[in-house]
């Protein structure tokens, strides 16, 4: 009985580690990216992402372009930093492709 429970717990733990994901979303402005030029910046939040401290401006990052993609995500590094600070500081990353 204990061996079966331990196996089940091991499988559940492995699945929870392997099936995790980081949130991401993409916005298309105009006709979307027409080239490969990318600009990436971190967004700074505190208290598990509830209070923004410094958020990047995608229009400014596009540098006057009218057609571009905005991809915002919490990367592995962002999640690691958030975990190390126990969620007090929770960054995300924004990439603008023109």
N, C-alpha and C. Protein backbone atom coordinates (compact mmCIF):
# COMPACT_ATOMS: atom_id res chain seq x y z
N UNK A 1 0.82 -1.19 0.00
CA UNK A 1 0.00 0.00 0.00
C UNK A 1 0.87 1.26 0.00
N UNK A 2 1.91 1.27 0.82
CA UNK A 2 2.78 2.44 0.90
C UNK A 2 3.57 2.62 -0.40
N UNK A 3 4.02 1.50 -1.00
CA UNK A 3 4.76 1.58 -2.25
C UNK A 3 3.88 2.15 -3.36
N UNK A 4 2.62 1.73 -3.40
CA UNK A 4 1.70 2.21 -4.41
C UNK A 4 1.44 3.72 -4.23
N UNK A 5 1.27 4.15 -3.00
CA UNK A 5 1.06 5.56 -2.72
C UNK A 5 2.29 6.38 -3.09
N UNK A 6 3.46 5.88 -2.78
CA UNK A 6 4.71 6.58 -3.12
C UNK A 6 4.87 6.69 -4.63
N UNK A 7 4.55 5.63 -5.37
CA UNK A 7 4.63 5.68 -6.82
C UNK A 7 3.68 6.72 -7.38
N UNK A 8 2.46 6.74 -6.86
CA UNK A 8 1.47 7.70 -7.30
C UNK A 8 1.92 9.13 -7.00
N UNK A 9 2.47 9.35 -5.83
CA UNK A 9 2.95 10.68 -5.47
C UNK A 9 4.13 11.09 -6.35
N UNK A 10 5.01 10.15 -6.67
CA UNK A 10 6.16 10.43 -7.53
C UNK A 10 5.70 10.80 -8.94
N UNK A 11 4.75 10.07 -9.46
CA UNK A 11 4.23 10.37 -10.79
C UNK A 11 3.52 11.73 -10.79
N UNK A 12 2.74 12.01 -9.76
CA UNK A 12 2.04 13.29 -9.67
C UNK A 12 3.04 14.45 -9.57
N UNK A 13 4.11 14.27 -8.79
CA UNK A 13 5.14 15.31 -8.67
C UNK A 13 5.85 15.53 -10.00
N UNK A 14 6.22 14.44 -10.67
CA UNK A 14 6.92 14.55 -11.96
C UNK A 14 6.02 15.24 -12.99
N UNK A 15 4.75 14.89 -13.00
CA UNK A 15 3.82 15.51 -13.95
C UNK A 15 3.66 17.00 -13.66
N UNK A 16 3.59 17.35 -12.39
CA UNK A 16 3.43 18.77 -12.05
C UNK A 16 4.67 19.58 -12.43
N UNK A 17 5.83 18.99 -12.39
CA UNK A 17 7.06 19.69 -12.79
C UNK A 17 7.18 19.77 -14.31
N UNK A 18 6.80 18.72 -15.01
CA UNK A 18 6.97 18.68 -16.45
C UNK A 18 5.86 19.39 -17.21
N UNK A 19 4.69 19.50 -16.62
CA UNK A 19 3.56 20.08 -17.32
C UNK A 19 3.29 21.53 -16.95
N UNK A 20 4.21 22.15 -16.26
CA UNK A 20 4.02 23.56 -15.92
C UNK A 20 4.28 24.41 -17.15
N UNK A 21 3.73 25.59 -17.16
CA UNK A 21 3.95 26.49 -18.28
C UNK A 21 4.02 27.93 -17.76
N UNK A 22 4.60 28.76 -18.54
CA UNK A 22 4.67 30.18 -18.22
C UNK A 22 3.64 30.89 -19.10
N UNK A 23 2.98 31.86 -18.54
CA UNK A 23 1.96 32.53 -19.32
C UNK A 23 2.61 33.38 -20.41
N UNK A 24 1.89 33.52 -21.51
CA UNK A 24 2.35 34.38 -22.59
C UNK A 24 1.15 34.83 -23.41
N UNK A 25 1.28 35.97 -24.01
CA UNK A 25 0.26 36.43 -24.95
C UNK A 25 0.90 37.29 -26.01
N UNK A 26 0.27 37.27 -27.19
CA UNK A 26 0.78 37.99 -28.35
C UNK A 26 -0.28 38.96 -28.85
N UNK A 27 0.14 40.17 -29.17
CA UNK A 27 -0.74 41.16 -29.78
C UNK A 27 -0.15 41.53 -31.13
N UNK A 28 -1.00 41.60 -32.13
CA UNK A 28 -0.57 42.00 -33.47
C UNK A 28 -1.12 43.39 -33.74
N UNK A 29 -0.23 44.31 -34.07
CA UNK A 29 -0.60 45.69 -34.34
C UNK A 29 -0.43 45.93 -35.84
N UNK A 30 -1.46 46.47 -36.46
CA UNK A 30 -1.42 46.70 -37.91
C UNK A 30 -1.40 45.38 -38.65
N UNK A 31 -0.46 45.24 -39.57
CA UNK A 31 -0.33 44.01 -40.36
C UNK A 31 0.60 42.99 -39.70
N UNK A 32 1.11 43.30 -38.54
CA UNK A 32 2.05 42.42 -37.87
C UNK A 32 3.47 42.73 -38.29
N UNK A 33 4.39 42.00 -37.73
CA UNK A 33 5.82 42.25 -37.99
C UNK A 33 6.14 42.05 -39.46
N UNK A 34 6.86 43.00 -40.02
CA UNK A 34 7.28 42.94 -41.42
C UNK A 34 8.75 42.56 -41.56
N UNK A 35 9.46 42.48 -40.45
CA UNK A 35 10.88 42.15 -40.48
C UNK A 35 11.26 41.31 -39.27
N UNK A 36 12.55 41.27 -38.98
CA UNK A 36 13.07 40.45 -37.88
C UNK A 36 13.65 41.27 -36.73
N UNK A 37 13.53 42.59 -36.78
CA UNK A 37 14.12 43.43 -35.74
C UNK A 37 13.33 43.25 -34.44
N UNK A 38 14.05 42.91 -33.37
CA UNK A 38 13.42 42.68 -32.06
C UNK A 38 14.00 43.60 -31.01
N UNK A 39 13.11 44.07 -30.13
CA UNK A 39 13.52 44.85 -28.96
C UNK A 39 12.88 44.16 -27.76
N UNK A 40 13.70 43.83 -26.74
CA UNK A 40 13.20 43.12 -25.57
C UNK A 40 13.48 43.92 -24.31
N UNK A 41 12.47 44.00 -23.44
CA UNK A 41 12.62 44.68 -22.15
C UNK A 41 11.88 43.91 -21.07
N UNK A 42 12.35 44.05 -19.84
CA UNK A 42 11.68 43.45 -18.69
C UNK A 42 10.64 44.42 -18.13
N UNK A 43 9.54 43.86 -17.66
CA UNK A 43 8.52 44.62 -16.93
C UNK A 43 8.69 44.29 -15.46
N UNK A 44 8.54 45.26 -14.60
CA UNK A 44 8.80 45.07 -13.18
C UNK A 44 7.51 45.19 -12.37
N UNK A 45 7.20 44.14 -11.63
CA UNK A 45 6.02 44.10 -10.78
C UNK A 45 6.42 43.66 -9.37
N UNK A 46 5.62 44.00 -8.40
CA UNK A 46 5.83 43.53 -7.03
C UNK A 46 4.55 42.86 -6.54
N UNK A 47 4.66 42.15 -5.45
CA UNK A 47 3.56 41.44 -4.79
C UNK A 47 2.84 40.52 -5.79
N UNK A 48 3.57 39.52 -6.28
CA UNK A 48 3.03 38.50 -7.20
C UNK A 48 2.47 39.09 -8.48
N UNK A 49 3.00 40.21 -8.93
CA UNK A 49 2.57 40.82 -10.17
C UNK A 49 1.35 41.71 -10.05
N UNK A 50 0.92 42.00 -8.85
CA UNK A 50 -0.28 42.81 -8.66
C UNK A 50 -0.03 44.30 -8.80
N UNK A 51 1.14 44.76 -8.44
CA UNK A 51 1.43 46.19 -8.47
C UNK A 51 2.57 46.47 -9.46
N UNK A 52 2.28 47.16 -10.57
CA UNK A 52 3.34 47.47 -11.53
C UNK A 52 4.25 48.58 -11.01
N UNK A 53 5.54 48.37 -11.20
CA UNK A 53 6.54 49.37 -10.80
C UNK A 53 7.13 50.03 -12.04
N UNK A 54 7.43 49.25 -13.04
CA UNK A 54 7.97 49.77 -14.29
C UNK A 54 7.57 48.85 -15.42
N UNK A 55 6.66 49.32 -16.28
CA UNK A 55 6.15 48.50 -17.38
C UNK A 55 6.62 49.12 -18.69
N UNK A 56 7.10 48.29 -19.60
CA UNK A 56 7.59 48.79 -20.89
C UNK A 56 6.44 49.28 -21.76
N UNK A 57 6.72 50.26 -22.61
CA UNK A 57 5.75 50.83 -23.53
C UNK A 57 6.01 50.26 -24.92
N UNK A 58 5.09 49.43 -25.41
CA UNK A 58 5.31 48.76 -26.69
C UNK A 58 5.36 49.75 -27.86
N UNK A 59 4.63 50.84 -27.80
CA UNK A 59 4.68 51.85 -28.87
C UNK A 59 6.06 52.48 -28.94
N UNK A 60 6.63 52.75 -27.77
CA UNK A 60 7.97 53.33 -27.73
C UNK A 60 9.01 52.31 -28.20
N UNK A 61 8.80 51.05 -27.83
CA UNK A 61 9.72 50.00 -28.25
C UNK A 61 9.66 49.78 -29.76
N UNK A 62 8.49 50.02 -30.36
CA UNK A 62 8.33 49.86 -31.82
C UNK A 62 9.02 50.99 -32.57
N UNK A 63 9.34 52.08 -31.90
CA UNK A 63 10.10 53.19 -32.47
C UNK A 63 9.44 53.76 -33.73
N UNK A 64 8.13 54.01 -33.63
CA UNK A 64 7.42 54.64 -34.74
C UNK A 64 6.87 53.70 -35.79
N UNK A 65 7.15 52.42 -35.69
CA UNK A 65 6.62 51.46 -36.67
C UNK A 65 5.10 51.34 -36.50
N UNK A 66 4.39 51.13 -37.59
CA UNK A 66 2.93 50.98 -37.52
C UNK A 66 2.50 49.53 -37.55
N UNK A 67 3.39 48.63 -37.99
CA UNK A 67 3.09 47.19 -38.06
C UNK A 67 4.12 46.44 -37.23
N UNK A 68 3.66 45.80 -36.16
CA UNK A 68 4.58 45.05 -35.29
C UNK A 68 3.81 44.06 -34.43
N UNK A 69 4.55 43.13 -33.84
CA UNK A 69 3.99 42.15 -32.90
C UNK A 69 4.53 42.44 -31.51
N UNK A 70 3.68 42.25 -30.51
CA UNK A 70 4.08 42.41 -29.12
C UNK A 70 3.88 41.06 -28.45
N UNK A 71 4.96 40.50 -27.91
CA UNK A 71 4.92 39.19 -27.26
C UNK A 71 5.34 39.38 -25.81
N UNK A 72 4.41 39.19 -24.89
CA UNK A 72 4.68 39.35 -23.46
C UNK A 72 4.59 37.98 -22.80
N UNK A 73 5.57 37.67 -21.96
CA UNK A 73 5.62 36.34 -21.35
C UNK A 73 6.34 36.40 -20.02
N UNK A 74 6.17 35.34 -19.26
CA UNK A 74 7.00 35.15 -18.08
C UNK A 74 7.93 34.00 -18.43
N UNK A 75 9.18 34.33 -18.67
CA UNK A 75 10.15 33.32 -19.07
C UNK A 75 10.61 32.52 -17.86
N UNK A 76 11.41 31.50 -18.12
CA UNK A 76 11.94 30.69 -17.04
C UNK A 76 12.76 31.55 -16.07
N UNK A 77 13.57 32.44 -16.62
CA UNK A 77 14.41 33.30 -15.77
C UNK A 77 13.53 34.23 -14.92
N UNK A 78 12.46 34.78 -15.54
CA UNK A 78 11.53 35.62 -14.78
C UNK A 78 10.89 34.83 -13.64
N UNK A 79 10.46 33.61 -13.94
CA UNK A 79 9.86 32.76 -12.91
C UNK A 79 10.84 32.39 -11.82
N UNK A 80 12.08 32.15 -12.19
CA UNK A 80 13.12 31.83 -11.21
C UNK A 80 13.37 33.01 -10.28
N UNK A 81 13.47 34.21 -10.84
CA UNK A 81 13.67 35.41 -10.02
C UNK A 81 12.48 35.60 -9.08
N UNK A 82 11.27 35.40 -9.60
CA UNK A 82 10.07 35.53 -8.78
C UNK A 82 10.07 34.51 -7.64
N UNK A 83 10.48 33.28 -7.95
CA UNK A 83 10.52 32.24 -6.92
C UNK A 83 11.58 32.54 -5.86
N UNK A 84 12.73 33.04 -6.29
CA UNK A 84 13.80 33.35 -5.34
C UNK A 84 13.45 34.50 -4.41
N UNK A 85 12.58 35.40 -4.88
CA UNK A 85 12.16 36.52 -4.04
C UNK A 85 10.80 36.25 -3.38
N UNK A 86 10.34 35.01 -3.49
CA UNK A 86 9.06 34.60 -2.89
C UNK A 86 7.89 35.45 -3.38
N UNK A 87 7.96 35.89 -4.65
CA UNK A 87 6.87 36.65 -5.26
C UNK A 87 6.85 38.12 -4.92
N UNK A 88 7.79 38.58 -4.11
CA UNK A 88 7.83 40.00 -3.79
C UNK A 88 8.14 40.80 -5.05
N UNK A 89 9.07 40.30 -5.86
CA UNK A 89 9.41 40.90 -7.15
C UNK A 89 9.06 39.88 -8.22
N UNK A 90 8.19 40.23 -9.16
CA UNK A 90 7.72 39.29 -10.19
C UNK A 90 7.83 39.92 -11.57
N UNK A 91 8.96 39.75 -12.25
CA UNK A 91 9.14 40.38 -13.55
C UNK A 91 8.48 39.58 -14.68
N UNK A 92 8.30 40.23 -15.81
CA UNK A 92 7.91 39.56 -17.05
C UNK A 92 8.73 40.20 -18.17
N UNK A 93 8.66 39.61 -19.37
CA UNK A 93 9.45 40.08 -20.49
C UNK A 93 8.54 40.44 -21.66
N UNK A 94 8.79 41.58 -22.29
CA UNK A 94 8.06 41.99 -23.48
C UNK A 94 9.04 42.09 -24.65
N UNK A 95 8.67 41.48 -25.79
CA UNK A 95 9.47 41.55 -26.99
C UNK A 95 8.61 42.14 -28.10
N UNK A 96 9.11 43.18 -28.74
CA UNK A 96 8.44 43.80 -29.88
C UNK A 96 9.23 43.44 -31.12
N UNK A 97 8.55 42.82 -32.10
CA UNK A 97 9.16 42.47 -33.36
C UNK A 97 8.58 43.38 -34.45
N UNK A 98 9.48 44.08 -35.15
CA UNK A 98 9.03 45.03 -36.19
C UNK A 98 9.27 44.45 -37.57
